[in-house]
Amino acid sequence: MFDDEDYDDYFLDEDEGENEPARRPQTPTYNSHSATPRAGETINFGNGHENHEPETDRSEGCMNGLLRRLGCGCLAAVLIAIIVGGAIGYFRYLTPTVEDAVMDVNVLRVEKRGTMFKTYEAEVADPSALAGASNDAYTRMRAVSVANESVARKLQDLQSTGRTVRLRYCQYASTLPWRGESKTVITEVLPSNDQ
């Protein structure tokens, strides 16, 4: 059943193996021609590979892992940029820097203008500037945007009457095309003190 010739004799006395050089024991491999593997043998199915991938596959795996890590890093950087950009845009364009403020002015002109976004724009002046010299009135004019059509209609009724009007407004850090051309947006016409 076992062929002794296939195996080294490890139990030789030292005096019997003196003439032969010392040989390193070798692990026999499974030969596909023999029927069954023997105990302790390494099975080799003849594909030439051991239990690891070739060098080229390993380097491609490292490259794929590197690309995956870079991809995750790029995705995280893009998400952080979107969050930071959104926060900056929100505070710069959508949150007023001055809110619920009141001013007393004379309304000089109210008009609807714009190419794509039609908005109501008004020019107002400080009442004390109108009482002085005419040049001073034009230097103290202020352009404002009007939030909605009902407020614009009230301002059109009061324009060029010489009456002082109390307006509630918000002021933003930047303009948006659909909000108007000015950073100051009139939100409400309040009853003035002289009425």
N, C-alpha and C. Protein backbone atom coordinates (compact mmCIF):
# COMPACT_ATOMS: atom_id res chain seq x y z
N MET A 1 0.81 -1.18 0.00
CA MET A 1 0.00 0.00 0.00
C MET A 1 0.86 1.26 0.00
N PHE A 2 1.83 1.34 0.88
CA PHE A 2 2.75 2.47 0.88
C PHE A 2 4.04 2.07 0.22
N ASP A 3 4.56 2.91 -0.62
CA ASP A 3 5.86 2.64 -1.24
C ASP A 3 6.92 3.32 -0.40
N ASP A 4 7.84 2.54 0.14
CA ASP A 4 8.89 3.12 0.95
C ASP A 4 9.87 3.92 0.13
N GLU A 5 9.92 3.66 -1.13
CA GLU A 5 10.88 4.38 -1.95
C GLU A 5 10.49 5.84 -2.15
N ASP A 6 9.21 6.17 -1.99
CA ASP A 6 8.75 7.55 -2.18
C ASP A 6 9.13 8.46 -1.03
N TYR A 7 9.46 7.88 0.13
CA TYR A 7 9.71 8.68 1.32
C TYR A 7 11.16 8.52 1.75
N ASP A 8 11.73 9.59 2.32
CA ASP A 8 13.05 9.50 2.92
C ASP A 8 12.94 8.71 4.22
N ASP A 9 13.99 7.99 4.52
CA ASP A 9 14.00 7.24 5.76
C ASP A 9 14.59 8.13 6.84
N TYR A 10 13.75 8.61 7.72
CA TYR A 10 14.19 9.54 8.76
C TYR A 10 14.77 8.83 9.96
N PHE A 11 14.57 7.58 10.05
CA PHE A 11 14.98 6.87 11.23
C PHE A 11 16.26 6.07 11.03
N LEU A 12 17.05 6.46 10.08
CA LEU A 12 18.33 5.78 9.87
C LEU A 12 19.29 6.11 11.01
N ASP A 13 20.09 5.19 11.34
CA ASP A 13 21.12 5.49 12.32
C ASP A 13 22.14 6.38 11.67
N GLU A 14 22.85 7.12 12.47
CA GLU A 14 23.83 8.06 11.93
C GLU A 14 24.95 7.33 11.19
N ASP A 15 25.32 6.14 11.64
CA ASP A 15 26.40 5.44 10.97
C ASP A 15 25.96 4.88 9.63
N GLU A 16 24.65 4.64 9.41
CA GLU A 16 24.20 4.13 8.13
C GLU A 16 24.19 5.22 7.08
N GLY A 17 23.89 6.47 7.46
CA GLY A 17 23.78 7.54 6.47
C GLY A 17 25.00 8.41 6.41
N GLU A 18 26.17 7.90 6.84
CA GLU A 18 27.36 8.75 6.85
C GLU A 18 27.84 9.07 5.46
N ASN A 19 27.72 8.14 4.53
CA ASN A 19 28.23 8.36 3.18
C ASN A 19 27.32 9.29 2.37
N GLU A 20 26.06 9.35 2.73
CA GLU A 20 25.14 10.20 1.98
C GLU A 20 25.11 11.61 2.59
N PRO A 21 25.04 12.63 1.71
CA PRO A 21 24.92 13.98 2.27
C PRO A 21 23.54 14.15 2.91
N ALA A 22 23.50 15.03 3.89
CA ALA A 22 22.23 15.25 4.60
C ALA A 22 21.24 15.90 3.65
N ARG A 23 20.08 15.29 3.59
CA ARG A 23 19.05 15.84 2.70
C ARG A 23 17.93 16.45 3.54
N ARG A 24 17.42 17.52 3.00
CA ARG A 24 16.31 18.19 3.67
C ARG A 24 15.03 17.44 3.33
N PRO A 25 14.20 17.19 4.29
CA PRO A 25 12.96 16.48 3.98
C PRO A 25 12.08 17.34 3.07
N GLN A 26 11.48 16.74 2.10
CA GLN A 26 10.61 17.45 1.18
C GLN A 26 9.19 16.97 1.39
N THR A 27 8.31 17.93 1.24
CA THR A 27 6.90 17.58 1.37
C THR A 27 6.43 17.08 0.02
N PRO A 28 5.97 15.88 -0.04
CA PRO A 28 5.52 15.37 -1.33
C PRO A 28 4.27 16.10 -1.78
N THR A 29 4.13 16.22 -3.06
CA THR A 29 2.95 16.87 -3.62
C THR A 29 2.05 15.83 -4.23
N TYR A 30 0.79 16.17 -4.30
CA TYR A 30 -0.19 15.24 -4.84
C TYR A 30 -0.04 15.21 -6.35
N ASN A 31 0.07 14.06 -6.86
CA ASN A 31 0.18 13.88 -8.29
C ASN A 31 -1.20 13.48 -8.79
N SER A 32 -1.64 14.14 -9.84
CA SER A 32 -2.99 13.87 -10.32
C SER A 32 -3.12 12.46 -10.87
N HIS A 33 -1.98 11.78 -11.12
CA HIS A 33 -2.05 10.43 -11.65
C HIS A 33 -2.31 9.40 -10.57
N SER A 34 -1.95 9.70 -9.32
CA SER A 34 -2.21 8.72 -8.27
C SER A 34 -3.63 8.89 -7.78
N ALA A 35 -4.16 7.88 -7.20
CA ALA A 35 -5.58 7.84 -6.88
C ALA A 35 -5.97 8.74 -5.73
N THR A 36 -5.29 8.63 -4.60
CA THR A 36 -5.67 9.43 -3.42
C THR A 36 -4.44 10.05 -2.81
N PRO A 37 -4.62 11.23 -2.20
CA PRO A 37 -3.47 11.84 -1.53
C PRO A 37 -3.15 11.08 -0.26
N ARG A 38 -1.90 11.14 0.12
CA ARG A 38 -1.46 10.50 1.36
C ARG A 38 -1.48 11.51 2.49
N ALA A 39 -1.47 11.03 3.69
CA ALA A 39 -1.51 11.92 4.84
C ALA A 39 -0.27 12.81 4.86
N GLY A 40 -0.47 14.11 5.07
CA GLY A 40 0.64 15.05 5.15
C GLY A 40 1.07 15.60 3.81
N GLU A 41 0.49 15.16 2.71
CA GLU A 41 0.89 15.64 1.39
C GLU A 41 0.18 16.96 1.08
N THR A 42 0.87 17.80 0.29
CA THR A 42 0.28 19.03 -0.20
C THR A 42 -0.40 18.74 -1.51
N ILE A 43 -1.62 19.16 -1.65
CA ILE A 43 -2.36 18.87 -2.87
C ILE A 43 -2.11 20.01 -3.84
N ASN A 44 -1.64 19.69 -5.02
CA ASN A 44 -1.41 20.67 -6.07
C ASN A 44 -2.24 20.22 -7.27
N PHE A 45 -3.15 21.03 -7.70
CA PHE A 45 -4.04 20.65 -8.79
C PHE A 45 -3.48 20.99 -10.15
N GLY A 46 -2.25 21.43 -10.21
CA GLY A 46 -1.59 21.63 -11.48
C GLY A 46 -1.86 22.97 -12.13
N ASN A 47 -2.45 23.93 -11.41
CA ASN A 47 -2.69 25.23 -12.04
C ASN A 47 -1.50 26.17 -11.89
N GLY A 48 -0.48 25.76 -11.19
CA GLY A 48 0.73 26.56 -11.06
C GLY A 48 0.62 27.67 -10.01
N HIS A 49 -0.53 27.83 -9.40
CA HIS A 49 -0.70 28.88 -8.39
C HIS A 49 -0.78 28.24 -7.02
N GLU A 50 -0.26 28.95 -6.09
CA GLU A 50 -0.47 28.52 -4.72
C GLU A 50 -1.70 29.24 -4.21
N ASN A 51 -1.82 29.44 -2.91
CA ASN A 51 -3.03 30.02 -2.35
C ASN A 51 -3.05 31.54 -2.37
N HIS A 52 -2.27 32.16 -3.22
CA HIS A 52 -2.31 33.63 -3.31
C HIS A 52 -2.45 34.04 -4.76
N GLU A 53 -2.87 35.29 -4.95
CA GLU A 53 -3.05 35.80 -6.31
C GLU A 53 -1.71 36.20 -6.87
N PRO A 54 -1.57 36.24 -8.18
CA PRO A 54 -0.30 36.68 -8.75
C PRO A 54 -0.02 38.13 -8.43
N GLU A 55 1.22 38.53 -8.62
CA GLU A 55 1.69 39.86 -8.27
C GLU A 55 0.88 40.95 -8.97
N THR A 56 0.53 40.76 -10.23
CA THR A 56 -0.21 41.79 -10.97
C THR A 56 -1.59 41.99 -10.37
N ASP A 57 -2.26 40.90 -9.98
CA ASP A 57 -3.59 41.05 -9.38
C ASP A 57 -3.51 41.78 -8.07
N ARG A 58 -2.45 41.52 -7.29
CA ARG A 58 -2.31 42.18 -5.99
C ARG A 58 -2.11 43.68 -6.18
N SER A 59 -1.30 44.08 -7.16
CA SER A 59 -1.07 45.50 -7.38
C SER A 59 -2.32 46.18 -7.89
N GLU A 60 -3.12 45.51 -8.74
CA GLU A 60 -4.37 46.09 -9.17
C GLU A 60 -5.33 46.23 -8.00
N GLY A 61 -5.32 45.27 -7.10
CA GLY A 61 -6.16 45.35 -5.92
C GLY A 61 -5.79 46.54 -5.06
N CYS A 62 -4.49 46.79 -4.91
CA CYS A 62 -4.05 47.96 -4.15
C CYS A 62 -4.48 49.24 -4.84
N MET A 63 -4.37 49.27 -6.16
CA MET A 63 -4.77 50.46 -6.90
C MET A 63 -6.26 50.69 -6.77
N ASN A 64 -7.04 49.59 -6.85
CA ASN A 64 -8.49 49.74 -6.68
C ASN A 64 -8.82 50.23 -5.28
N GLY A 65 -8.14 49.72 -4.27
CA GLY A 65 -8.35 50.19 -2.91
C GLY A 65 -7.99 51.66 -2.76
N LEU A 66 -6.89 52.08 -3.41
CA LEU A 66 -6.49 53.49 -3.36
C LEU A 66 -7.53 54.36 -4.03
N LEU A 67 -8.01 53.92 -5.18
CA LEU A 67 -9.04 54.70 -5.88
C LEU A 67 -10.31 54.76 -5.07
N ARG A 68 -10.65 53.66 -4.40
CA ARG A 68 -11.84 53.69 -3.54
C ARG A 68 -11.68 54.67 -2.41
N ARG A 69 -10.48 54.67 -1.79
CA ARG A 69 -10.25 55.61 -0.69
C ARG A 69 -10.28 57.04 -1.19
N LEU A 70 -9.67 57.29 -2.36
CA LEU A 70 -9.70 58.64 -2.93
C LEU A 70 -11.12 59.03 -3.30
N GLY A 71 -11.88 58.10 -3.82
CA GLY A 71 -13.27 58.37 -4.16
C GLY A 71 -14.08 58.77 -2.95
N CYS A 72 -13.88 58.09 -1.84
CA CYS A 72 -14.57 58.44 -0.60
C CYS A 72 -14.12 59.80 -0.11
N GLY A 73 -12.83 60.08 -0.23
CA GLY A 73 -12.33 61.39 0.19
C GLY A 73 -12.87 62.51 -0.68
N CYS A 74 -12.95 62.27 -1.99
CA CYS A 74 -13.50 63.28 -2.90
C CYS A 74 -14.98 63.50 -2.62
N LEU A 75 -15.70 62.43 -2.37
CA LEU A 75 -17.11 62.56 -2.06
C LEU A 75 -17.32 63.35 -0.77
N ALA A 76 -16.50 63.08 0.23
CA ALA A 76 -16.59 63.83 1.48
C ALA A 76 -16.27 65.30 1.26
N ALA A 77 -15.25 65.59 0.44
CA ALA A 77 -14.89 66.98 0.16
C ALA A 77 -16.01 67.70 -0.58
N VAL A 78 -16.64 67.02 -1.52
CA VAL A 78 -17.76 67.64 -2.26
C VAL A 78 -18.93 67.91 -1.32
N LEU A 79 -19.25 66.96 -0.45
CA LEU A 79 -20.34 67.16 0.50
C LEU A 79 -20.06 68.31 1.45
N ILE A 80 -18.83 68.42 1.93
CA ILE A 80 -18.47 69.53 2.81
C ILE A 80 -18.56 70.85 2.07
N ALA A 81 -18.10 70.88 0.81
CA ALA A 81 -18.19 72.11 0.01
C ALA A 81 -19.64 72.52 -0.22
N ILE A 82 -20.52 71.55 -0.46
CA ILE A 82 -21.94 71.87 -0.66
C ILE A 82 -22.55 72.42 0.62
N ILE A 83 -22.23 71.82 1.75
CA ILE A 83 -22.78 72.28 3.03
C ILE A 83 -22.29 73.68 3.36
N VAL A 84 -20.98 73.91 3.20
CA VAL A 84 -20.42 75.24 3.50
C VAL A 84 -20.97 76.28 2.53
N GLY A 85 -21.02 75.92 1.23
CA GLY A 85 -21.57 76.86 0.24
C GLY A 85 -23.03 77.17 0.49
N GLY A 86 -23.80 76.16 0.88
CA GLY A 86 -25.21 76.38 1.20
C GLY A 86 -25.38 77.30 2.40
N ALA A 87 -24.55 77.10 3.43
CA ALA A 87 -24.64 77.96 4.61
C ALA A 87 -24.27 79.41 4.27
N ILE A 88 -23.21 79.58 3.49
CA ILE A 88 -22.80 80.94 3.10
C ILE A 88 -23.90 81.60 2.26
N GLY A 89 -24.44 80.84 1.29
CA GLY A 89 -25.51 81.38 0.45
C GLY A 89 -26.75 81.72 1.25
N TYR A 90 -27.09 80.89 2.22
CA TYR A 90 -28.26 81.14 3.05
C TYR A 90 -28.11 82.44 3.83
N PHE A 91 -26.97 82.61 4.47
CA PHE A 91 -26.79 83.81 5.28
C PHE A 91 -26.55 85.06 4.43
N ARG A 92 -25.97 84.90 3.25
CA ARG A 92 -25.69 86.06 2.41
C ARG A 92 -26.91 86.54 1.63
N TYR A 93 -27.73 85.60 1.14
CA TYR A 93 -28.82 85.98 0.24
C TYR A 93 -30.22 85.87 0.85
N LEU A 94 -30.42 84.98 1.81
CA LEU A 94 -31.77 84.73 2.30
C LEU A 94 -32.06 85.27 3.69
N THR A 95 -31.04 85.51 4.48
CA THR A 95 -31.25 86.01 5.83
C THR A 95 -30.98 87.51 5.87
N PRO A 96 -31.95 88.30 6.33
CA PRO A 96 -31.72 89.75 6.37
C PRO A 96 -30.69 90.13 7.44
N THR A 97 -29.87 91.13 7.11
CA THR A 97 -28.92 91.65 8.11
C THR A 97 -29.62 92.65 9.03
N VAL A 98 -30.59 93.37 8.48
CA VAL A 98 -31.43 94.29 9.27
C VAL A 98 -32.86 93.81 9.08
N GLU A 99 -33.56 93.58 10.18
CA GLU A 99 -34.90 93.04 10.09
C GLU A 99 -35.85 93.86 10.95
N ASP A 100 -37.06 94.07 10.44
CA ASP A 100 -38.12 94.77 11.17
C ASP A 100 -37.67 96.18 11.57
N ALA A 101 -37.07 96.89 10.62
CA ALA A 101 -36.65 98.27 10.86
C ALA A 101 -37.70 99.21 10.25
N VAL A 102 -37.72 100.44 10.74
CA VAL A 102 -38.71 101.43 10.29
C VAL A 102 -37.98 102.69 9.85
N MET A 103 -38.47 103.31 8.74
CA MET A 103 -37.92 104.59 8.29
C MET A 103 -39.08 105.50 7.89
N ASP A 104 -38.88 106.80 8.12
CA ASP A 104 -39.85 107.82 7.70
C ASP A 104 -39.28 108.52 6.48
N VAL A 105 -40.02 108.46 5.36
CA VAL A 105 -39.53 108.99 4.09
C VAL A 105 -40.68 109.62 3.31
N ASN A 106 -40.31 110.36 2.28
CA ASN A 106 -41.26 110.82 1.28
C ASN A 106 -41.04 109.96 0.04
N VAL A 107 -42.13 109.49 -0.55
CA VAL A 107 -42.04 108.63 -1.72
C VAL A 107 -41.99 109.51 -2.96
N LEU A 108 -40.93 109.38 -3.75
CA LEU A 108 -40.77 110.17 -4.96
C LEU A 108 -41.27 109.43 -6.20
N ARG A 109 -41.00 108.15 -6.30
CA ARG A 109 -41.37 107.41 -7.50
C ARG A 109 -41.49 105.92 -7.17
N VAL A 110 -42.47 105.23 -7.78
CA VAL A 110 -42.65 103.79 -7.67
C VAL A 110 -42.90 103.26 -9.07
N GLU A 111 -42.16 102.26 -9.47
CA GLU A 111 -42.33 101.70 -10.81
C GLU A 111 -42.02 100.21 -10.80
N LYS A 112 -42.62 99.53 -11.78
CA LYS A 112 -42.36 98.09 -11.95
C LYS A 112 -41.37 97.97 -13.10
N ARG A 113 -40.25 97.30 -12.86
CA ARG A 113 -39.24 97.17 -13.91
C ARG A 113 -38.48 95.86 -13.77
N GLY A 114 -37.75 95.56 -14.83
CA GLY A 114 -36.98 94.32 -14.86
C GLY A 114 -37.16 93.63 -16.19
N THR A 115 -36.17 92.86 -16.60
CA THR A 115 -36.24 92.15 -17.87
C THR A 115 -36.88 90.78 -17.68
N MET A 116 -36.29 89.95 -16.88
CA MET A 116 -36.82 88.61 -16.67
C MET A 116 -37.74 88.60 -15.45
N PHE A 117 -37.27 89.16 -14.35
CA PHE A 117 -38.06 89.22 -13.12
C PHE A 117 -38.56 90.66 -12.97
N LYS A 118 -39.87 90.83 -13.02
CA LYS A 118 -40.48 92.16 -12.86
C LYS A 118 -40.64 92.42 -11.36
N THR A 119 -40.00 93.46 -10.88
CA THR A 119 -40.09 93.82 -9.47
C THR A 119 -40.46 95.29 -9.35
N TYR A 120 -41.02 95.65 -8.21
CA TYR A 120 -41.37 97.04 -7.95
C TYR A 120 -40.18 97.72 -7.27
N GLU A 121 -39.78 98.84 -7.85
CA GLU A 121 -38.67 99.62 -7.33
C GLU A 121 -39.19 101.01 -6.99
N ALA A 122 -38.69 101.58 -5.93
CA ALA A 122 -39.13 102.91 -5.50
C ALA A 122 -37.92 103.78 -5.18
N GLU A 123 -38.14 105.07 -5.28
CA GLU A 123 -37.14 106.04 -4.83
C GLU A 123 -37.78 106.86 -3.72
N VAL A 124 -37.12 106.93 -2.61
CA VAL A 124 -37.61 107.65 -1.44
C VAL A 124 -36.53 108.64 -1.01
N ALA A 125 -36.97 109.65 -0.28
CA ALA A 125 -36.03 110.67 0.22
C ALA A 125 -36.38 111.00 1.65
N ASP A 126 -35.37 111.41 2.38
CA ASP A 126 -35.55 111.85 3.76
C ASP A 126 -36.34 113.16 3.76
N PRO A 127 -37.37 113.32 4.61
CA PRO A 127 -38.18 114.55 4.60
C PRO A 127 -37.36 115.81 4.86
N SER A 128 -36.34 115.72 5.66
CA SER A 128 -35.53 116.91 5.95
C SER A 128 -34.74 117.33 4.71
N ALA A 129 -34.40 116.40 3.83
CA ALA A 129 -33.68 116.73 2.61
C ALA A 129 -34.58 117.48 1.64
N LEU A 130 -35.88 117.15 1.61
CA LEU A 130 -36.81 117.83 0.72
C LEU A 130 -37.10 119.25 1.19
N ALA A 131 -36.99 119.51 2.47
CA ALA A 131 -37.25 120.85 2.99
C ALA A 131 -36.11 121.80 2.67
N GLY A 132 -34.92 121.28 2.42
CA GLY A 132 -33.75 122.12 2.15
C GLY A 132 -33.64 122.46 0.68
N ALA A 133 -32.42 122.68 0.24
CA ALA A 133 -32.16 123.01 -1.17
C ALA A 133 -32.47 121.83 -2.06
N SER A 134 -32.80 122.10 -3.31
CA SER A 134 -33.21 121.05 -4.23
C SER A 134 -32.07 120.10 -4.56
N ASN A 135 -30.83 120.57 -4.62
CA ASN A 135 -29.69 119.68 -4.90
C ASN A 135 -29.50 118.66 -3.79
N ASP A 136 -29.76 119.09 -2.54
CA ASP A 136 -29.60 118.20 -1.40
C ASP A 136 -30.60 117.05 -1.46
N ALA A 137 -31.78 117.32 -1.99
CA ALA A 137 -32.81 116.28 -2.06
C ALA A 137 -32.38 115.15 -2.99
N TYR A 138 -31.76 115.50 -4.10
CA TYR A 138 -31.35 114.46 -5.04
C TYR A 138 -30.16 113.66 -4.54
N THR A 139 -29.31 114.27 -3.74
CA THR A 139 -28.18 113.51 -3.20
C THR A 139 -28.62 112.59 -2.07
N ARG A 140 -29.75 112.88 -1.43
CA ARG A 140 -30.23 112.07 -0.32
C ARG A 140 -31.31 111.08 -0.74
N MET A 141 -31.55 110.94 -2.05
CA MET A 141 -32.52 109.96 -2.52
C MET A 141 -31.99 108.55 -2.29
N ARG A 142 -32.92 107.66 -2.09
CA ARG A 142 -32.53 106.29 -1.80
C ARG A 142 -33.39 105.35 -2.63
N ALA A 143 -32.78 104.39 -3.31
CA ALA A 143 -33.51 103.39 -4.09
C ALA A 143 -33.81 102.20 -3.20
N VAL A 144 -35.06 101.76 -3.24
CA VAL A 144 -35.49 100.60 -2.46
C VAL A 144 -36.33 99.70 -3.35
N SER A 145 -36.41 98.45 -2.98
CA SER A 145 -37.29 97.49 -3.66
C SER A 145 -38.52 97.28 -2.80
N VAL A 146 -39.61 96.88 -3.45
CA VAL A 146 -40.87 96.67 -2.74
C VAL A 146 -41.19 95.18 -2.79
N ALA A 147 -41.58 94.62 -1.65
CA ALA A 147 -41.75 93.18 -1.52
C ALA A 147 -42.89 92.63 -2.35
N ASN A 148 -44.04 93.30 -2.36
CA ASN A 148 -45.19 92.74 -3.09
C ASN A 148 -46.02 93.85 -3.72
N GLU A 149 -46.98 93.46 -4.53
CA GLU A 149 -47.75 94.40 -5.32
C GLU A 149 -48.67 95.26 -4.47
N SER A 150 -49.25 94.72 -3.41
CA SER A 150 -50.17 95.51 -2.57
C SER A 150 -49.44 96.66 -1.88
N VAL A 151 -48.23 96.42 -1.41
CA VAL A 151 -47.43 97.49 -0.79
C VAL A 151 -47.04 98.51 -1.86
N ALA A 152 -46.72 98.05 -3.07
CA ALA A 152 -46.36 98.97 -4.15
C ALA A 152 -47.54 99.87 -4.52
N ARG A 153 -48.76 99.34 -4.52
CA ARG A 153 -49.94 100.14 -4.84
C ARG A 153 -50.16 101.23 -3.78
N LYS A 154 -49.96 100.89 -2.51
CA LYS A 154 -50.10 101.90 -1.45
C LYS A 154 -49.06 103.00 -1.61
N LEU A 155 -47.82 102.60 -1.99
CA LEU A 155 -46.77 103.61 -2.18
C LEU A 155 -47.05 104.48 -3.41
N GLN A 156 -47.63 103.90 -4.46
CA GLN A 156 -47.98 104.69 -5.64
C GLN A 156 -49.05 105.73 -5.31
N ASP A 157 -49.98 105.39 -4.42
CA ASP A 157 -51.00 106.36 -4.01
C ASP A 157 -50.38 107.51 -3.21
N LEU A 158 -49.27 107.25 -2.53
CA LEU A 158 -48.63 108.27 -1.69
C LEU A 158 -47.48 109.00 -2.38
N GLN A 159 -47.13 108.61 -3.57
CA GLN A 159 -45.96 109.23 -4.21
C GLN A 159 -46.26 110.67 -4.63
N SER A 160 -45.27 111.52 -4.49
CA SER A 160 -45.31 112.93 -4.86
C SER A 160 -46.40 113.72 -4.16
N THR A 161 -46.86 113.26 -3.00
CA THR A 161 -47.84 114.01 -2.23
C THR A 161 -47.16 114.93 -1.22
N GLY A 162 -45.92 114.69 -0.96
CA GLY A 162 -45.20 115.48 0.03
C GLY A 162 -45.46 115.01 1.45
N ARG A 163 -46.26 113.96 1.61
CA ARG A 163 -46.54 113.45 2.95
C ARG A 163 -45.44 112.48 3.38
N THR A 164 -45.14 112.50 4.65
CA THR A 164 -44.15 111.57 5.21
C THR A 164 -44.82 110.23 5.44
N VAL A 165 -44.14 109.20 5.00
CA VAL A 165 -44.67 107.84 5.10
C VAL A 165 -43.72 107.02 5.97
N ARG A 166 -44.31 106.24 6.84
CA ARG A 166 -43.50 105.33 7.67
C ARG A 166 -43.52 103.94 7.03
N LEU A 167 -42.32 103.41 6.77
CA LEU A 167 -42.19 102.12 6.08
C LEU A 167 -41.41 101.13 6.95
N ARG A 168 -41.86 99.90 6.91
CA ARG A 168 -41.11 98.82 7.56
C ARG A 168 -40.30 98.13 6.47
N TYR A 169 -39.04 97.81 6.77
CA TYR A 169 -38.17 97.22 5.74
C TYR A 169 -37.21 96.21 6.34
N CYS A 170 -36.63 95.42 5.44
CA CYS A 170 -35.54 94.48 5.76
C CYS A 170 -34.38 94.82 4.84
N GLN A 171 -33.19 94.60 5.32
CA GLN A 171 -32.01 94.83 4.50
C GLN A 171 -31.18 93.56 4.44
N TYR A 172 -30.75 93.22 3.21
CA TYR A 172 -30.00 91.99 2.96
C TYR A 172 -28.56 92.32 2.59
N ALA A 173 -27.67 91.35 2.70
CA ALA A 173 -26.26 91.55 2.34
C ALA A 173 -26.08 91.61 0.83
N SER A 174 -26.94 90.92 0.07
CA SER A 174 -26.85 90.90 -1.39
C SER A 174 -28.24 90.89 -1.99
N THR A 175 -28.30 91.22 -3.27
CA THR A 175 -29.58 91.23 -3.97
C THR A 175 -29.81 89.91 -4.67
N LEU A 176 -31.07 89.62 -4.91
CA LEU A 176 -31.48 88.48 -5.74
C LEU A 176 -32.38 89.04 -6.84
N PRO A 177 -32.30 88.50 -8.05
CA PRO A 177 -33.06 89.08 -9.17
C PRO A 177 -34.57 89.11 -8.93
N TRP A 178 -35.14 88.12 -8.29
CA TRP A 178 -36.58 88.08 -8.07
C TRP A 178 -37.02 88.89 -6.85
N ARG A 179 -36.05 89.36 -6.05
CA ARG A 179 -36.40 90.16 -4.87
C ARG A 179 -36.34 91.64 -5.19
N GLY A 180 -35.53 92.02 -6.16
CA GLY A 180 -35.43 93.43 -6.53
C GLY A 180 -33.99 93.85 -6.73
N GLU A 181 -33.82 95.10 -7.17
CA GLU A 181 -32.49 95.61 -7.49
C GLU A 181 -31.76 96.16 -6.28
N SER A 182 -32.47 96.39 -5.20
CA SER A 182 -31.88 97.01 -4.01
C SER A 182 -31.74 95.99 -2.89
N LYS A 183 -30.78 96.27 -2.02
CA LYS A 183 -30.61 95.42 -0.83
C LYS A 183 -31.67 95.73 0.21
N THR A 184 -32.29 96.90 0.15
CA THR A 184 -33.33 97.30 1.08
C THR A 184 -34.68 96.95 0.46
N VAL A 185 -35.49 96.17 1.18
CA VAL A 185 -36.78 95.72 0.67
C VAL A 185 -37.88 96.21 1.61
N ILE A 186 -38.83 96.99 1.05
CA ILE A 186 -39.96 97.50 1.83
C ILE A 186 -40.98 96.38 1.97
N THR A 187 -41.38 96.09 3.20
CA THR A 187 -42.32 95.00 3.44
C THR A 187 -43.70 95.48 3.84
N GLU A 188 -43.82 96.73 4.36
CA GLU A 188 -45.13 97.19 4.87
C GLU A 188 -45.16 98.70 4.94
N VAL A 189 -46.34 99.25 4.70
CA VAL A 189 -46.57 100.71 4.90
C VAL A 189 -47.30 100.85 6.20
N LEU A 190 -46.71 101.61 7.13
CA LEU A 190 -47.31 101.81 8.45
C LEU A 190 -48.01 103.17 8.49
N PRO A 191 -48.98 103.33 9.37
CA PRO A 191 -49.59 104.66 9.52
C PRO A 191 -48.57 105.63 10.10
N SER A 192 -48.46 106.82 9.52
CA SER A 192 -47.47 107.79 10.00
C SER A 192 -48.04 108.58 11.16
N ASN A 193 -47.17 109.33 11.83
CA ASN A 193 -47.56 110.08 13.04
C ASN A 193 -48.44 111.27 12.73
N ASP A 194 -48.33 111.85 11.52
CA ASP A 194 -49.09 113.07 11.23
C ASP A 194 -50.48 112.79 10.66
N GLN A 195 -50.91 111.56 10.59
CA GLN A 195 -52.25 111.26 10.07
C GLN A 195 -53.25 111.24 11.17
